[in-house]
């Protein structure tokens, strides 16, 4: 079985485009067509459906896709272990993450990792909570940064706690004692993250028995911050998201207090590649060394 053929198959399933996948993996258009014909002859059924909208998987191809992704993950892990034994630090890591982690954590971590392991390439896939969880389950990423509230059957590595804070326009009157009571959310126009993007905020509202007057939904935290800054409503967001937004909004701790637990979700520690293990060890080392990191999350 030619692993390169199956890598092309999985990439086309991801991009939905023969040309884009060919360019990414170094194949000409005719080369892609030749490989796919060869694969379809081997498996005995068509793999892709071509239409004006692009390329999609046949029913049979969808059936084998999870096994293909799992096989590629195992193969890449094997390759990295062999290189590790021979003293080479090469490979690739695909990480699922959301915007606040990409902005506030990863630049420092990626810089340190690149200096230590220049031969290891990293690809970031950004999405919402549901997307990242699905990518982990489908072997489309090696692991993902998530909130613990959405990990279900995945393994979990805890990294830190991040408080949920009430967002008000910068010039709005401050709440009493500079603490925002959850019960007061019901009296204001409210802006909230889309379902499937952030479970912690929806959980906090439900747990507190609050039914806010929701006027806007958004899957972009920075859009929510901007709308609050323009007096379109108030909101609740995690502290990590709010770093650098002090000129647009004012943020206050909630009563009762709510927080989210941030960490890394993965299918299995045993299946982690050597490169992934090195990345996660460095991540924990940096976050533990930089004591100000967790403190900054609480300061708005």
Protein backbone atom coordinates (compact mmCIF):
# COMPACT_ATOMS: atom_id res chain seq x y z
CA UNK A 1 0.00 0.00 0.00
CA UNK A 2 1.52 3.32 -1.11
CA UNK A 3 1.21 5.75 1.82
CA UNK A 4 1.74 8.75 -0.47
CA UNK A 5 -1.40 7.89 -2.44
CA UNK A 6 -3.49 7.76 0.71
CA UNK A 7 -2.03 11.04 1.94
CA UNK A 8 -3.21 12.61 -1.32
CA UNK A 9 -6.65 11.03 -0.85
CA UNK A 10 -6.95 12.44 2.70
CA UNK A 11 -5.76 15.87 1.59
CA UNK A 12 -8.33 16.05 -1.23
CA UNK A 13 -11.01 15.06 1.29
CA UNK A 14 -9.84 18.05 3.35
CA UNK A 15 -9.58 20.64 0.56
CA UNK A 16 -12.27 19.43 -1.83
CA UNK A 17 -9.98 20.46 -4.67
CA UNK A 18 -7.67 18.32 -6.84
CA UNK A 19 -5.46 21.22 -7.92
CA UNK A 20 -4.97 22.65 -4.42
CA UNK A 21 -4.06 19.26 -2.96
CA UNK A 22 -1.74 18.52 -5.88
CA UNK A 23 0.07 21.82 -5.33
CA UNK A 24 0.38 21.17 -1.60
CA UNK A 25 1.86 17.70 -2.12
CA UNK A 26 3.89 18.38 -5.27
CA UNK A 27 1.76 16.65 -7.95
CA UNK A 28 0.71 17.95 -11.35
CA UNK A 29 -2.95 17.83 -12.37
CA UNK A 30 -2.28 14.84 -14.59
CA UNK A 31 -0.30 13.21 -11.79
CA UNK A 32 -3.25 13.55 -9.40
CA UNK A 33 -5.63 12.06 -11.97
CA UNK A 34 -3.28 9.13 -12.61
CA UNK A 35 -2.89 8.38 -8.89
CA UNK A 36 -6.62 8.49 -8.24
CA UNK A 37 -7.38 6.18 -11.17
CA UNK A 38 -4.79 3.77 -9.82
CA UNK A 39 -6.30 3.92 -6.32
CA UNK A 40 -9.85 3.39 -7.59
CA UNK A 41 -8.62 0.38 -9.52
CA UNK A 42 -7.02 -1.00 -6.35
CA UNK A 43 -10.00 -0.52 -4.05
CA UNK A 44 -12.61 -1.43 -6.65
CA UNK A 45 -14.89 1.60 -6.33
CA UNK A 46 -14.93 5.34 -7.14
CA UNK A 47 -13.47 7.66 -4.52
CA UNK A 48 -14.62 11.13 -5.58
CA UNK A 49 -17.60 12.82 -7.19
CA UNK A 50 -16.83 15.80 -9.41
CA UNK A 51 -19.34 18.64 -9.69
CA UNK A 52 -19.46 22.38 -10.37
CA UNK A 53 -19.17 23.01 -6.63
CA UNK A 54 -15.93 21.04 -6.41
CA UNK A 55 -15.00 17.53 -5.34
CA UNK A 56 -16.77 15.40 -2.73
CA UNK A 57 -16.29 11.89 -1.39
CA UNK A 58 -18.37 8.96 -2.55
CA UNK A 59 -20.28 7.02 0.12
CA UNK A 60 -17.66 4.26 0.09
CA UNK A 61 -14.82 6.79 0.32
CA UNK A 62 -16.46 8.39 3.37
CA UNK A 63 -16.58 4.96 4.98
CA UNK A 64 -12.83 4.38 4.67
CA UNK A 65 -11.72 7.97 5.40
CA UNK A 66 -11.49 7.55 9.22
CA UNK A 67 -9.33 4.44 8.81
CA UNK A 68 -7.12 6.26 6.30
CA UNK A 69 -6.60 9.20 8.66
CA UNK A 70 -5.83 6.82 11.51
CA UNK A 71 -3.33 4.93 9.33
CA UNK A 72 -1.55 8.16 8.33
CA UNK A 73 -1.35 9.22 11.96
CA UNK A 74 0.17 5.88 13.00
CA UNK A 75 2.60 5.98 10.06
CA UNK A 76 3.77 9.53 10.86
CA UNK A 77 4.21 8.54 14.49
CA UNK A 78 6.34 5.56 13.42
CA UNK A 79 8.46 7.76 11.17
CA UNK A 80 9.10 10.21 13.98
CA UNK A 81 10.03 7.45 16.40
CA UNK A 82 12.55 6.06 13.93
CA UNK A 83 14.04 9.53 13.39
CA UNK A 84 14.13 10.04 17.15
CA UNK A 85 16.11 6.84 17.63
CA UNK A 86 18.55 7.96 14.94
CA UNK A 87 18.98 11.37 16.56
CA UNK A 88 16.96 13.41 14.06
CA UNK A 89 14.22 15.76 15.23
CA UNK A 90 11.93 16.04 12.21
CA UNK A 91 8.24 15.72 11.57
CA UNK A 92 4.99 17.67 11.59
CA UNK A 93 2.43 18.58 14.24
CA UNK A 94 -1.13 19.66 13.44
CA UNK A 95 -2.76 21.53 16.31
CA UNK A 96 -6.39 22.48 16.81
CA UNK A 97 -6.78 25.82 18.56
CA UNK A 98 -9.02 28.83 19.02
CA UNK A 99 -8.21 32.48 18.52
CA UNK A 100 -7.37 33.54 22.07
CA UNK A 101 -4.84 30.70 22.45
CA UNK A 102 -3.35 31.50 19.02
CA UNK A 103 -2.91 35.16 19.95
CA UNK A 104 -1.90 35.06 23.62
CA UNK A 105 -0.09 31.73 24.12
CA UNK A 106 1.19 30.25 20.90
CA UNK A 107 3.55 32.97 19.58
CA UNK A 108 5.89 32.57 22.56
CA UNK A 109 5.58 28.77 22.54
CA UNK A 110 6.10 28.47 18.77
CA UNK A 111 9.17 30.71 18.86
CA UNK A 112 10.78 28.63 21.59
CA UNK A 113 9.85 25.38 19.86
CA UNK A 114 11.24 26.51 16.50
CA UNK A 115 14.54 27.43 18.12
CA UNK A 116 14.77 24.04 19.84
CA UNK A 117 13.46 21.88 16.97
CA UNK A 118 13.82 23.71 13.63
CA UNK A 119 13.17 20.51 11.67
CA UNK A 120 9.62 20.07 12.97
CA UNK A 121 6.87 21.84 11.06
CA UNK A 122 3.65 22.99 12.75
CA UNK A 123 0.23 23.59 11.20
CA UNK A 124 -2.47 25.42 13.15
CA UNK A 125 -6.16 24.75 12.51
CA UNK A 126 -8.37 27.35 14.15
CA UNK A 127 -12.01 26.75 14.93
CA UNK A 128 -14.71 26.63 17.57
CA UNK A 129 -15.02 24.13 20.38
CA UNK A 130 -17.13 21.64 18.41
CA UNK A 131 -14.85 21.84 15.37
CA UNK A 132 -11.67 21.21 17.35
CA UNK A 133 -13.21 18.25 19.14
CA UNK A 134 -14.33 16.76 15.80
CA UNK A 135 -10.86 17.25 14.29
CA UNK A 136 -9.33 15.34 17.21
CA UNK A 137 -11.82 12.48 16.88
CA UNK A 138 -11.22 12.29 13.11
CA UNK A 139 -7.39 12.35 13.42
CA UNK A 140 -7.25 15.62 11.51
CA UNK A 141 -5.18 17.18 14.30
CA UNK A 142 -2.72 15.60 16.72
CA UNK A 143 -4.30 17.36 19.70
CA UNK A 144 -6.31 20.47 20.44
CA UNK A 145 -6.45 23.30 22.93
CA UNK A 146 -9.94 23.27 24.48
CA UNK A 147 -12.02 24.01 27.53
CA UNK A 148 -12.56 20.95 29.70
CA UNK A 149 -16.34 21.35 29.42
CA UNK A 150 -16.32 19.92 25.89
CA UNK A 151 -13.84 17.03 25.98
CA UNK A 152 -16.33 14.13 26.48
CA UNK A 153 -14.36 10.87 25.98
CA UNK A 154 -11.04 12.53 25.11
CA UNK A 155 -7.98 12.46 27.34
CA UNK A 156 -7.18 15.71 29.12
CA UNK A 157 -4.06 17.64 30.14
CA UNK A 158 -4.96 20.61 32.34
CA UNK A 159 -3.03 23.85 31.87
CA UNK A 160 -4.78 26.69 33.74
CA UNK A 161 -8.01 28.28 34.97
CA UNK A 162 -9.45 31.31 33.17
CA UNK A 163 -12.22 33.43 34.76
CA UNK A 164 -15.39 34.50 32.97
CA UNK A 165 -15.85 38.27 33.12
CA UNK A 166 -18.71 40.67 32.40
CA UNK A 167 -18.02 43.13 29.57
CA UNK A 168 -19.42 46.67 29.64
CA UNK A 169 -18.67 49.70 27.45
CA UNK A 170 -15.63 51.62 28.67
CA UNK A 171 -17.69 54.66 29.74
CA UNK A 172 -20.54 52.70 31.36
CA UNK A 173 -21.09 53.17 35.12
CA UNK A 174 -19.16 50.58 37.11
CA UNK A 175 -21.25 48.03 39.04
CA UNK A 176 -21.35 48.17 42.82
CA UNK A 177 -18.07 47.02 44.38
CA UNK A 178 -16.81 46.51 40.80
CA UNK A 179 -18.49 43.10 40.77
CA UNK A 180 -21.19 42.29 38.21
CA UNK A 181 -24.13 40.28 39.53
CA UNK A 182 -25.29 37.58 37.13
CA UNK A 183 -28.92 38.40 37.91
CA UNK A 184 -28.43 41.85 36.37
CA UNK A 185 -27.61 40.36 32.95
CA UNK A 186 -31.33 39.89 32.31
CA UNK A 187 -31.97 43.64 32.27
CA UNK A 188 -29.51 44.51 29.49
CA UNK A 189 -29.22 43.79 25.77
CA UNK A 190 -26.82 40.86 25.53
CA UNK A 191 -24.27 39.69 22.95
CA UNK A 192 -23.29 36.02 23.11
CA UNK A 193 -21.03 33.53 21.38
CA UNK A 194 -22.66 31.15 18.90
CA UNK A 195 -23.61 27.70 20.18
CA UNK A 196 -20.76 25.23 19.66
CA UNK A 197 -18.09 27.93 19.92
CA UNK A 198 -17.92 28.41 23.70
CA UNK A 199 -19.82 26.11 26.07
CA UNK A 200 -18.64 27.71 29.31
CA UNK A 201 -20.59 30.95 28.88
CA UNK A 202 -23.81 29.16 27.97
CA UNK A 203 -23.30 26.85 30.97
CA UNK A 204 -22.76 29.78 33.36
CA UNK A 205 -25.97 31.49 32.22
CA UNK A 206 -27.97 28.30 32.56
CA UNK A 207 -26.44 27.42 35.92
CA UNK A 208 -27.21 30.89 37.29
CA UNK A 209 -30.77 30.71 35.98
CA UNK A 210 -30.27 33.84 33.87
CA UNK A 211 -32.12 34.38 30.60
CA UNK A 212 -30.53 37.46 29.03
CA UNK A 213 -32.12 39.56 26.31
CA UNK A 214 -29.95 38.23 23.49
CA UNK A 215 -29.71 40.69 20.60
CA UNK A 216 -26.66 39.40 18.73
CA UNK A 217 -24.82 36.09 18.25
CA UNK A 218 -21.23 35.94 17.00
CA UNK A 219 -18.56 33.25 16.64
CA UNK A 220 -15.82 35.90 16.84
CA UNK A 221 -14.77 37.06 20.32
CA UNK A 222 -13.19 40.24 18.97
CA UNK A 223 -16.39 41.14 17.15
CA UNK A 224 -18.25 40.76 20.47
CA UNK A 225 -15.72 43.04 22.18
CA UNK A 226 -16.13 45.66 19.43
CA UNK A 227 -19.94 45.54 19.65
CA UNK A 228 -19.84 45.99 23.42
CA UNK A 229 -17.45 48.92 22.93
CA UNK A 230 -20.01 50.51 20.57
CA UNK A 231 -22.84 50.21 23.12
CA UNK A 232 -24.71 47.45 21.27
CA UNK A 233 -25.04 45.46 24.46
CA UNK A 234 -23.05 43.77 27.21
CA UNK A 235 -21.49 40.32 27.23
CA UNK A 236 -19.55 37.68 29.14
CA UNK A 237 -16.21 36.38 27.86
CA UNK A 238 -13.16 34.56 29.29
CA UNK A 239 -10.37 36.72 30.66
CA UNK A 240 -7.74 35.42 28.22
CA UNK A 241 -9.78 36.75 25.30
CA UNK A 242 -9.84 40.27 26.74
CA UNK A 243 -6.11 40.94 26.95
CA UNK A 244 -5.30 44.10 25.03
CA UNK A 245 -8.93 45.29 24.89
CA UNK A 246 -8.78 47.68 27.84
CA UNK A 247 -9.27 50.73 25.58
CA UNK A 248 -12.61 49.40 24.28
CA UNK A 249 -14.36 47.81 27.24
CA UNK A 250 -14.41 47.48 31.00
CA UNK A 251 -14.45 43.98 32.49
CA UNK A 252 -15.65 42.88 35.92
CA UNK A 253 -15.66 39.57 37.83
CA UNK A 254 -19.00 37.81 38.12
CA UNK A 255 -21.07 36.96 41.16
CA UNK A 256 -21.40 34.03 41.48
CA UNK A 257 -17.90 33.35 40.19
CA UNK A 258 -17.42 31.25 37.05
CA UNK A 259 -14.29 30.09 35.24
CA UNK A 260 -13.20 27.73 32.50
CA UNK A 261 -10.41 25.18 32.66
CA UNK A 262 -8.07 25.38 29.67
CA UNK A 263 -5.91 22.51 28.54
CA UNK A 264 -5.08 20.04 25.81
CA UNK A 265 -7.48 17.35 24.60
CA UNK A 266 -6.25 14.30 22.70
CA UNK A 267 -7.34 10.82 21.71
CA UNK A 268 -4.59 8.96 23.52
CA UNK A 269 -1.29 9.83 25.15
CA UNK A 270 0.11 6.54 23.87
CA UNK A 271 -0.51 7.62 20.27
CA UNK A 272 1.23 10.97 20.57
CA UNK A 273 4.17 11.39 18.23
CA UNK A 274 7.59 12.27 19.71
CA UNK A 275 7.25 15.77 18.19
CA UNK A 276 3.87 16.27 19.89
CA UNK A 277 5.25 15.10 23.23
CA UNK A 278 8.12 17.60 22.93
CA UNK A 279 5.69 20.41 22.04
CA UNK A 280 3.38 19.70 24.97
CA UNK A 281 6.26 19.40 27.43
CA UNK A 282 7.60 22.76 26.25
CA UNK A 283 4.12 24.30 26.47
CA UNK A 284 3.70 23.23 30.10
CA UNK A 285 7.24 24.38 30.91
CA UNK A 286 6.65 27.86 29.45
CA UNK A 287 3.26 28.34 31.11
CA UNK A 288 4.59 27.18 34.48
CA UNK A 289 7.73 29.33 34.20
CA UNK A 290 5.83 32.44 33.14
CA UNK A 291 3.91 32.93 36.38
CA UNK A 292 2.56 36.22 35.04
CA UNK A 293 0.70 34.39 32.30
CA UNK A 294 -2.07 33.11 34.56
CA UNK A 295 -2.12 36.33 36.56
CA UNK A 296 -2.61 38.43 33.40
CA UNK A 297 -5.77 36.48 32.60
CA UNK A 298 -7.38 37.87 35.75
CA UNK A 299 -6.33 41.48 35.18
CA UNK A 300 -8.42 43.64 32.84
